[in-house]
């Protein structure tokens, strides 16, 4: 039995030497400032979560991931685990309480509860005239304005580790993740990638909230954020390209998870993904085992470049 079952991912936490530059990238990526202090930047999406990205001031590094606990009782359960911080009142914008842990590679994992919600932000909606429903926007012209994508919420975090079995045992045993699909390279008994989702019983959730990759390095492969639709993915791509940011991979559609994706690097090399249209599954989903390449190549889009596959920001 896991210690608890977290309900969703909350945010990713990085460290950067220039908060102005960090805010500019994240604004161009489609986020909105929630709060900023002399020591940290908090960015949000359109959903009512207070923030979904934290940047602390300092030398560039990946700090860790945060997940929502269902209630304070679950915080108490996590606080009783070996090496846990105990329940802390968060002295940060949004408030709330948390317990801090360390994963097997030493990165911080926050389990949080009770943050102040914020009012949702309006989205530009873009109904499409589909082949089987050509009058969904009858009489309305589709005249979208150029600009950043509309980031709504955080979808998942992806790490690389040299000890994938140990990492998966820890994340599943501590946070209650369930395997959705797994990938092997040559031997089906040697997993090189594992997609994991939150266990919310009958409730349908994203195909994965956590993806773990076996590699020669340890650290962050990427943070991932949901945007409203494929137009947002495309418009975000055009906007970031015009701003001169480094493109890592995309646009394409994944096979496992099915998301339409696009990956970009921030000024310090940390990768951020726009995605839309994820598979939604529940406790009844039966995991698959796919061979790398055959099972992971999507129906359209270029294969992942080696730079992306081997990327890990420490």
Foldseek 3Di string as FASTA:
>chain_A
DALAFFDAWAAWEWEDADVVQVVVVVVLQAWAWLDDDPFKTFTPAQAFRSGHYMYGHDHTFGAGTETEGPDVVSQQSLCPDPAKPHWDFDPDQQTWIWIWHAFPVGHIYIYTDDGDTHHGDDDDDDDACDPVRNVPPPPDDGDDDFGAFRFHHWQAWEKEDQCQVRRVCCCCRHHVWDWAAFEDAPDLVDTFKTFTPTAPAPDWGQSHRYMYGYDPDTATLATETETDDVVNVVSSVVSVVVVPFAWFFDQDFWQRQGWGKTWTARPVGHIYMYTYDGDIDHPPRDYYYYYPPVRTDDPDGDPGDPCSVRDHGD
